[in-house]
C-alpha atoms as a PDB file:
ATOM      1  CA  MET A   1     -67.458  70.413  15.892  1.00  0.00           C
ATOM      2  CA  LYS A   2     -64.605  71.869  12.804  1.00  0.00           C
ATOM      3  CA  THR A   3     -63.484  74.412  15.489  1.00  0.00           C
ATOM      4  CA  CYS A   4     -62.731  71.637  18.408  1.00  0.00           C
ATOM      5  CA  PHE A   5     -61.284  69.735  16.384  1.00  0.00           C
ATOM      6  CA  PHE A   6     -59.163  72.573  14.893  1.00  0.00           C
ATOM      7  CA  LEU A   7     -58.161  73.561  18.147  1.00  0.00           C
ATOM      8  CA  LEU A   8     -57.759  70.493  19.802  1.00  0.00           C
ATOM      9  CA  SER A   9     -54.913  69.649  16.807  1.00  0.00           C
ATOM     10  CA  LEU A  10     -53.304  73.232  17.216  1.00  0.00           C
ATOM     11  CA  ALA A  11     -53.498  72.254  21.147  1.00  0.00           C
ATOM     12  CA  LEU A  12     -51.547  69.065  20.644  1.00  0.00           C
ATOM     13  CA  SER A  13     -49.012  70.197  17.786  1.00  0.00           C
ATOM     14  CA  ALA A  14     -48.040  72.902  20.615  1.00  0.00           C
ATOM     15  CA  LEU A  15     -47.246  70.870  23.612  1.00  0.00           C
ATOM     16  CA  ALA A  16     -45.247  68.044  20.848  1.00  0.00           C
ATOM     17  CA  TYR A  17     -42.882  71.385  20.204  1.00  0.00           C
ATOM     18  CA  ALA A  18     -42.783  72.088  24.067  1.00  0.00           C
ATOM     19  CA  GLN A  19     -40.251  70.334  25.246  1.00  0.00           C
ATOM     20  CA  GLU A  20     -37.326  70.842  26.866  1.00  0.00           C
ATOM     21  CA  ARG A  21     -33.583  69.961  25.198  1.00  0.00           C
ATOM     22  CA  GLN A  22     -32.332  67.098  26.816  1.00  0.00           C
ATOM     23  CA  PHE A  23     -28.404  66.186  27.865  1.00  0.00           C
ATOM     24  CA  PRO A  24     -28.272  62.877  28.491  1.00  0.00           C
ATOM     25  CA  VAL A  25     -24.171  62.827  28.054  1.00  0.00           C
ATOM     26  CA  VAL A  26     -22.866  66.017  28.005  1.00  0.00           C
ATOM     27  CA  PRO A  27     -25.057  67.982  31.004  1.00  0.00           C
ATOM     28  CA  ASN A  28     -25.418  71.849  29.546  1.00  0.00           C
ATOM     29  CA  PHE A  29     -24.065  71.367  26.519  1.00  0.00           C
ATOM     30  CA  GLY A  30     -25.518  70.590  23.015  1.00  0.00           C
ATOM     31  CA  GLY A  31     -28.978  69.966  24.137  1.00  0.00           C
ATOM     32  CA  VAL A  32     -31.317  68.228  21.861  1.00  0.00           C
ATOM     33  CA  PHE A  33     -34.777  67.217  21.437  1.00  0.00           C
ATOM     34  CA  ARG A  34     -36.671  63.878  20.996  1.00  0.00           C
ATOM     35  CA  ILE A  35     -38.095  63.318  17.450  1.00  0.00           C
ATOM     36  CA  ALA A  36     -41.004  61.075  17.229  1.00  0.00           C
ATOM     37  CA  ASN A  37     -41.113  58.266  14.414  1.00  0.00           C
ATOM     38  CA  ALA A  38     -37.518  60.232  13.283  1.00  0.00           C
ATOM     39  CA  ALA A  39     -36.088  57.981  10.297  1.00  0.00           C
ATOM     40  CA  PRO A  40     -33.290  56.511   9.706  1.00  0.00           C
ATOM     41  CA  ILE A  41     -32.400  56.429  13.652  1.00  0.00           C
ATOM     42  CA  PRO A  42     -28.624  55.430  14.836  1.00  0.00           C
ATOM     43  CA  ASP A  43     -28.017  51.255  15.576  1.00  0.00           C
ATOM     44  CA  PRO A  44     -27.555  50.335  19.220  1.00  0.00           C
ATOM     45  CA  GLY A  45     -25.857  47.470  17.736  1.00  0.00           C
ATOM     46  CA  LEU A  46     -23.284  49.575  15.949  1.00  0.00           C
ATOM     47  CA  THR A  47     -20.169  51.017  17.662  1.00  0.00           C
ATOM     48  CA  TYR A  48     -19.608  54.786  16.256  1.00  0.00           C
ATOM     49  CA  ASN A  49     -16.224  56.016  15.563  1.00  0.00           C
ATOM     50  CA  ILE A  50     -16.156  59.928  14.605  1.00  0.00           C
ATOM     51  CA  VAL A  51     -13.568  62.517  13.666  1.00  0.00           C
ATOM     52  CA  MET A  52     -14.744  65.911  13.774  1.00  0.00           C
ATOM     53  CA  GLU A  53     -12.836  68.267  12.249  1.00  0.00           C
ATOM     54  CA  VAL A  54     -13.297  72.201  13.873  1.00  0.00           C
ATOM     55  CA  SER A  55     -12.069  75.393  12.465  1.00  0.00           C
ATOM     56  CA  MET A  56     -14.856  77.715  12.726  1.00  0.00           C
ATOM     57  CA  ALA A  57     -13.921  80.975  15.709  1.00  0.00           C
ATOM     58  CA  SER A  58     -16.958  82.403  16.952  1.00  0.00           C
ATOM     59  CA  GLU A  59     -18.441  85.559  16.304  1.00  0.00           C
ATOM     60  CA  LYS A  60     -17.790  87.180  19.256  1.00  0.00           C
ATOM     61  CA  ALA A  61     -14.683  85.706  22.247  1.00  0.00           C
ATOM     62  CA  ASP A  62     -17.580  86.087  24.575  1.00  0.00           C
ATOM     63  CA  ASP A  63     -20.242  83.115  22.475  1.00  0.00           C
ATOM     64  CA  LEU A  64     -19.206  79.975  22.880  1.00  0.00           C
ATOM     65  CA  ASN A  65     -17.633  77.859  20.020  1.00  0.00           C
ATOM     66  CA  PHE A  66     -20.638  76.918  17.465  1.00  0.00           C
ATOM     67  CA  ALA A  67     -19.244  73.913  16.273  1.00  0.00           C
ATOM     68  CA  ILE A  68     -17.558  72.853  19.842  1.00  0.00           C
ATOM     69  CA  ASN A  69     -20.829  72.982  21.054  1.00  0.00           C
ATOM     70  CA  ASN A  70     -21.735  70.098  18.093  1.00  0.00           C
ATOM     71  CA  VAL A  71     -19.904  67.716  19.209  1.00  0.00           C
ATOM     72  CA  ALA A  72     -21.404  67.688  22.266  1.00  0.00           C
ATOM     73  CA  ARG A  73     -24.978  67.515  20.319  1.00  0.00           C
ATOM     74  CA  LEU A  74     -23.346  64.708  18.546  1.00  0.00           C
ATOM     75  CA  LEU A  75     -22.431  62.964  21.955  1.00  0.00           C
ATOM     76  CA  ASN A  76     -26.420  63.906  23.276  1.00  0.00           C
ATOM     77  CA  LEU A  77     -28.221  62.610  19.805  1.00  0.00           C
ATOM     78  CA  HIS A  78     -26.454  59.107  19.937  1.00  0.00           C
ATOM     79  CA  ALA A  79     -27.321  58.824  23.731  1.00  0.00           C
ATOM     80  CA  LEU A  80     -30.704  60.257  22.888  1.00  0.00           C
ATOM     81  CA  ALA A  81     -31.014  57.093  20.392  1.00  0.00           C
ATOM     82  CA  GLY A  82     -30.085  54.841  22.766  1.00  0.00           C
ATOM     83  CA  ILE A  83     -26.663  54.476  22.065  1.00  0.00           C
ATOM     84  CA  PRO A  84     -24.482  53.477  24.441  1.00  0.00           C
ATOM     85  CA  LYS A  85     -22.051  55.983  25.757  1.00  0.00           C
ATOM     86  CA  GLU A  86     -18.998  53.240  25.576  1.00  0.00           C
ATOM     87  CA  ASN A  87     -19.957  52.928  21.780  1.00  0.00           C
ATOM     88  CA  VAL A  88     -19.585  56.482  20.505  1.00  0.00           C
ATOM     89  CA  HIS A  89     -16.162  57.506  20.110  1.00  0.00           C
ATOM     90  CA  VAL A  90     -15.411  61.034  19.185  1.00  0.00           C
ATOM     91  CA  VAL A  91     -12.047  62.570  18.114  1.00  0.00           C
ATOM     92  CA  VAL A  92     -12.150  66.155  18.076  1.00  0.00           C
ATOM     93  CA  ALA A  93      -9.643  68.092  15.688  1.00  0.00           C
ATOM     94  CA  VAL A  94      -9.284  71.478  16.072  1.00  0.00           C
ATOM     95  CA  HIS A  95      -7.515  73.882  13.727  1.00  0.00           C
ATOM     96  CA  GLY A  96      -7.478  77.727  12.396  1.00  0.00           C
ATOM     97  CA  GLU A  97      -9.093  79.973  14.002  1.00  0.00           C
ATOM     98  CA  ALA A  98     -11.193  77.818  16.610  1.00  0.00           C
ATOM     99  CA  ALA A  99      -7.642  77.113  18.131  1.00  0.00           C
ATOM    100  CA  TYR A 100      -7.939  79.952  20.415  1.00  0.00           C
ATOM    101  CA  CYS A 101     -10.849  78.616  22.287  1.00  0.00           C
ATOM    102  CA  LEU A 102      -8.601  76.163  23.906  1.00  0.00           C
ATOM    103  CA  MET A 103      -6.586  78.396  25.528  1.00  0.00           C
ATOM    104  CA  ASN A 104      -6.835  78.697  29.390  1.00  0.00           C
ATOM    105  CA  ASN A 105      -8.722  81.400  30.744  1.00  0.00           C
ATOM    106  CA  GLU A 106      -5.569  84.086  31.619  1.00  0.00           C
ATOM    107  CA  ALA A 107      -4.464  83.775  28.017  1.00  0.00           C
ATOM    108  CA  TYR A 108      -8.467  83.791  26.235  1.00  0.00           C
ATOM    109  CA  GLN A 109      -8.623  87.322  28.373  1.00  0.00           C
ATOM    110  CA  LYS A 110      -4.925  88.311  27.931  1.00  0.00           C
ATOM    111  CA  LYS A 111      -6.247  88.150  24.137  1.00  0.00           C
ATOM    112  CA  TYR A 112      -9.589  89.077  23.968  1.00  0.00           C
ATOM    113  CA  LYS A 113     -10.406  90.902  27.391  1.00  0.00           C
ATOM    114  CA  THR A 114     -12.973  88.517  28.541  1.00  0.00           C
ATOM    115  CA  SER A 115     -13.225  85.064  30.158  1.00  0.00           C
ATOM    116  CA  ASN A 116     -12.947  81.891  27.766  1.00  0.00           C
ATOM    117  CA  PRO A 117     -16.818  80.729  27.434  1.00  0.00           C
ATOM    118  CA  ASN A 118     -15.853  77.266  26.377  1.00  0.00           C
ATOM    119  CA  LEU A 119     -13.772  75.930  29.885  1.00  0.00           C
ATOM    120  CA  PRO A 120     -16.806  74.215  30.839  1.00  0.00           C
ATOM    121  CA  LEU A 121     -17.994  73.050  27.547  1.00  0.00           C
ATOM    122  CA  LEU A 122     -14.307  71.547  27.032  1.00  0.00           C
ATOM    123  CA  LYS A 123     -14.457  69.887  30.111  1.00  0.00           C
ATOM    124  CA  ALA A 124     -17.926  67.825  30.111  1.00  0.00           C
ATOM    125  CA  LEU A 125     -16.592  67.117  26.310  1.00  0.00           C
ATOM    126  CA  LYS A 126     -13.522  65.305  28.210  1.00  0.00           C
ATOM    127  CA  GLU A 127     -15.796  63.640  30.942  1.00  0.00           C
ATOM    128  CA  ALA A 128     -18.244  62.679  28.267  1.00  0.00           C
ATOM    129  CA  GLY A 129     -15.016  61.012  26.617  1.00  0.00           C
ATOM    130  CA  ALA A 130     -14.769  62.729  23.487  1.00  0.00           C
ATOM    131  CA  ASP A 131     -10.451  63.151  22.740  1.00  0.00           C
ATOM    132  CA  LEU A 132      -9.544  66.618  21.964  1.00  0.00           C
ATOM    133  CA  TYR A 133      -6.597  67.239  19.817  1.00  0.00           C
ATOM    134  CA  VAL A 134      -5.372  70.916  18.014  1.00  0.00           C
ATOM    135  CA  CYS A 135      -3.200  71.570  15.472  1.00  0.00           C
ATOM    136  CA  GLY A 136       0.063  72.061  16.099  1.00  0.00           C
ATOM    137  CA  GLN A 137       0.280  73.851  12.823  1.00  0.00           C
ATOM    138  CA  SER A 138      -1.994  76.417  14.368  1.00  0.00           C
ATOM    139  CA  LEU A 139      -0.856  76.439  17.344  1.00  0.00           C
ATOM    140  CA  PHE A 140       2.455  78.329  15.455  1.00  0.00           C
ATOM    141  CA  ALA A 141       1.049  79.918  12.630  1.00  0.00           C
ATOM    142  CA  ARG A 142      -0.897  81.541  15.623  1.00  0.00           C
ATOM    143  CA  ASN A 143       1.573  82.362  18.240  1.00  0.00           C
ATOM    144  CA  ILE A 144      -0.449  80.204  20.416  1.00  0.00           C
ATOM    145  CA  ASP A 145       1.725  78.798  23.047  1.00  0.00           C
ATOM    146  CA  ARG A 146       0.707  75.475  24.196  1.00  0.00           C
ATOM    147  CA  GLN A 147       1.659  76.473  28.105  1.00  0.00           C
ATOM    148  CA  THR A 148      -1.659  78.337  27.848  1.00  0.00           C
ATOM    149  CA  LEU A 149      -3.744  75.528  26.306  1.00  0.00           C
ATOM    150  CA  VAL A 150      -6.460  73.686  28.519  1.00  0.00           C
ATOM    151  CA  PRO A 151      -5.265  70.551  30.099  1.00  0.00           C
ATOM    152  CA  GLU A 152      -8.640  68.709  28.433  1.00  0.00           C
ATOM    153  CA  VAL A 153      -6.198  68.812  25.094  1.00  0.00           C
ATOM    154  CA  THR A 154      -3.326  67.118  23.126  1.00  0.00           C
ATOM    155  CA  VAL A 155      -1.046  68.783  20.905  1.00  0.00           C
ATOM    156  CA  ALA A 156      -0.958  66.668  17.406  1.00  0.00           C
ATOM    157  CA  LEU A 157       0.861  67.020  14.637  1.00  0.00           C
ATOM    158  CA  SER A 158      -1.559  68.665  12.636  1.00  0.00           C
ATOM    159  CA  MET A 159      -5.398  69.019  12.007  1.00  0.00           C
ATOM    160  CA  ILE A 160      -4.776  67.026   8.507  1.00  0.00           C
ATOM    161  CA  THR A 161      -2.865  63.877   9.922  1.00  0.00           C
ATOM    162  CA  THR A 162      -5.014  63.242  13.264  1.00  0.00           C
ATOM    163  CA  VAL A 163      -7.737  62.884  10.799  1.00  0.00           C
ATOM    164  CA  THR A 164      -6.581  60.834   7.716  1.00  0.00           C
ATOM    165  CA  THR A 165      -5.405  59.018  10.423  1.00  0.00           C
ATOM    166  CA  PHE A 166      -8.731  58.404  12.598  1.00  0.00           C
ATOM    167  CA  GLN A 167     -10.479  58.130   8.884  1.00  0.00           C
ATOM    168  CA  LEU A 168      -7.808  55.044   8.078  1.00  0.00           C
ATOM    169  CA  LYS A 169      -8.925  53.969  10.996  1.00  0.00           C
ATOM    170  CA  GLY A 170     -12.651  53.830  10.270  1.00  0.00           C
ATOM    171  CA  TYR A 171     -13.747  56.481  11.726  1.00  0.00           C
ATOM    172  CA  ALA A 172     -16.232  58.700   9.992  1.00  0.00           C
ATOM    173  CA  PHE A 173     -15.782  62.045   8.885  1.00  0.00           C
ATOM    174  CA  LEU A 174     -17.861  65.351  10.238  1.00  0.00           C
ATOM    175  CA  LYS A 175     -16.689  68.920   9.367  1.00  0.00           C
ATOM    176  CA  TYR A 176     -18.473  72.440  10.906  1.00  0.00           C
END
């Protein structure tokens, strides 16, 4: 009897962890899992204004940028928790080494000898409503021509002024 109970418990535990990633707002990126009885959970009655600083580059040029993929995770997690898409406003302030992943495929291939794996992610984030900004200071410091950036990105004066402006407007700050 104890053996049957143990095997049943083991099987149910395995089923609980066998679920697949979900992509409720950003298809194919930032997959998340539903977590039963989690606390605290986002409040569907709130509006979520979030500014995210992204400076982390990928370890390898042909890898998706982990930090930018976390923007997709943030959007998907809030949607999975029942927050309406129109109640989640995300601003992404990219700077430092992460600025390279915002280059169009031609410029990226010239620099890294591989295609830019982030292009579909950037397009999906923009379609999901994220506002993508790149630090103009980082562009100058890294000799990145603004004409080589993807169209989903807006050039800002700096990451610093972008973050402080949105923080003073009441946006919560996250850093990746």
